[in-house]
Amino acid sequence: MTDIALRDHLEALIREADRRYEQRFAASEQAVLKAEHTMNERLNSMNEFREALKDQSGKMATRSELERVEEMVQELRRAKANLDGRLVVLSGAVSVAVSVVLWVVSRVIEVL
């Protein structure tokens, strides 16, 4: 081989190696961009999930709030039971009073 042919051959090998390195670099860049895009999509969906959990937890009652509501319900139950008892006694008293009045009226009518 002559010097010129050898030089041309080596330059062709170098150009081919450069072209391959550029292709590898371009493929590597493309892979990095795809990975970055995929990671951003995943992070966005994770952030949406976190926001949903945050919204949900903001709407939930705390233990102390639930205990307070339970106390209020118990208080309402006691008040209703008390009122029911009073109404039973009152209806009994009204019944007795009406019976007495009717008895008195029937006696007065008999006397006349």
Protein backbone atom coordinates (compact mmCIF):
# COMPACT_ATOMS: atom_id res chain seq x y z
CA MET A 1 0.00 0.00 0.00
CA THR A 2 1.12 3.42 -0.74
CA ASP A 3 1.23 6.20 1.80
CA ILE A 4 -1.68 7.97 0.14
CA ALA A 5 -3.83 4.85 0.05
CA LEU A 6 -2.95 4.09 3.66
CA ARG A 7 -3.77 7.65 4.64
CA ASP A 8 -7.08 7.55 2.77
CA HIS A 9 -7.88 4.21 4.37
CA LEU A 10 -7.09 5.50 7.87
CA GLU A 11 -9.08 8.69 7.26
CA ALA A 12 -12.02 6.58 6.09
CA LEU A 13 -11.74 4.47 9.25
CA ILE A 14 -11.60 7.60 11.39
CA ARG A 15 -14.62 9.11 9.58
CA GLU A 16 -16.53 5.85 10.04
CA ALA A 17 -15.60 5.77 13.75
CA ASP A 18 -16.65 9.43 14.10
CA ARG A 19 -19.97 8.67 12.39
CA ARG A 20 -20.57 5.72 14.72
CA TYR A 21 -19.73 7.80 17.79
CA GLU A 22 -22.09 10.54 16.61
CA GLN A 23 -24.84 7.94 16.10
CA ARG A 24 -24.21 6.52 19.56
CA PHE A 25 -24.22 9.99 21.06
CA ALA A 26 -27.48 10.87 19.26
CA ALA A 27 -29.08 7.59 20.39
CA SER A 28 -27.86 8.22 23.92
CA GLU A 29 -29.28 11.76 23.85
CA GLN A 30 -32.60 10.43 22.54
CA ALA A 31 -32.69 7.77 25.29
CA VAL A 32 -31.99 10.40 27.96
CA LEU A 33 -34.78 12.63 26.60
CA LYS A 34 -37.24 9.71 26.58
CA ALA A 35 -36.24 8.74 30.12
CA GLU A 36 -36.62 12.35 31.26
CA HIS A 37 -40.05 12.61 29.64
CA THR A 38 -41.16 9.32 31.21
CA MET A 39 -39.86 10.38 34.62
CA ASN A 40 -41.66 13.73 34.38
CA GLU A 41 -44.93 11.99 33.51
CA ARG A 42 -44.49 9.64 36.45
CA LEU A 43 -43.67 12.48 38.84
CA ASN A 44 -46.70 14.45 37.62
CA SER A 45 -48.99 11.49 38.25
CA MET A 46 -47.44 11.01 41.69
CA ASN A 47 -48.02 14.70 42.44
CA GLU A 48 -51.65 14.37 41.35
CA PHE A 49 -52.01 11.37 43.68
CA ARG A 50 -50.46 13.33 46.55
CA GLU A 51 -52.82 16.23 45.91
CA ALA A 52 -55.79 13.84 45.92
CA LEU A 53 -54.65 12.38 49.24
CA LYS A 54 -54.13 15.87 50.63
CA ASP A 55 -57.64 16.94 49.56
CA GLN A 56 -59.12 13.75 51.00
CA SER A 57 -57.31 14.08 54.31
CA GLY A 58 -58.43 17.71 54.54
CA LYS A 59 -62.06 16.57 54.37
CA MET A 60 -61.72 13.89 57.03
CA ALA A 61 -62.67 14.52 60.63
CA THR A 62 -60.03 14.29 63.32
CA ARG A 63 -60.37 12.00 66.30
CA SER A 64 -61.09 14.91 68.64
CA GLU A 65 -63.80 16.22 66.31
CA LEU A 66 -65.42 12.78 66.20
CA GLU A 67 -65.27 12.49 69.98
CA ARG A 68 -66.96 15.89 70.30
CA VAL A 69 -69.69 14.84 67.84
CA GLU A 70 -70.19 11.60 69.81
CA GLU A 71 -70.58 13.62 73.02
CA MET A 72 -73.15 15.87 71.34
CA VAL A 73 -75.09 12.85 70.06
CA GLN A 74 -75.14 11.33 73.54
CA GLU A 75 -76.35 14.63 74.97
CA LEU A 76 -79.16 14.76 72.38
CA ARG A 77 -80.14 11.16 73.21
CA ARG A 78 -80.34 12.00 76.91
CA ALA A 79 -82.41 15.11 76.21
CA LYS A 80 -84.80 13.13 74.00
CA ALA A 81 -85.18 10.40 76.62
CA ASN A 82 -85.88 13.08 79.24
CA LEU A 83 -88.46 14.74 77.00
CA ASP A 84 -90.10 11.36 76.22
CA GLY A 85 -90.37 10.68 79.95
CA ARG A 86 -91.91 14.08 80.60
CA LEU A 87 -94.42 13.57 77.80
CA VAL A 88 -95.46 10.20 79.22
CA VAL A 89 -96.01 11.72 82.67
CA LEU A 90 -97.83 14.71 81.18
CA SER A 91 -100.12 12.51 79.05
CA GLY A 92 -100.88 10.39 82.13
CA ALA A 93 -101.71 13.50 84.15
CA VAL A 94 -103.93 14.87 81.37
CA SER A 95 -105.72 11.51 81.15
CA VAL A 96 -106.36 11.49 84.89
CA ALA A 97 -107.53 15.12 84.82
CA VAL A 98 -109.91 14.48 81.93
CA SER A 99 -111.24 11.36 83.66
CA VAL A 100 -111.88 13.30 86.87
CA VAL A 101 -113.58 16.13 85.00
CA LEU A 102 -115.79 13.68 83.10
CA TRP A 103 -116.64 11.85 86.33
CA VAL A 104 -117.54 15.13 88.03
CA VAL A 105 -119.64 16.22 85.04
CA SER A 106 -121.44 12.85 84.99
CA ARG A 107 -122.22 13.19 88.74
CA VAL A 108 -123.48 16.72 88.28
CA ILE A 109 -125.74 15.59 85.43
CA GLU A 110 -127.08 12.74 87.58
CA VAL A 111 -127.93 15.17 90.35
CA LEU A 112 -129.87 17.41 88.06
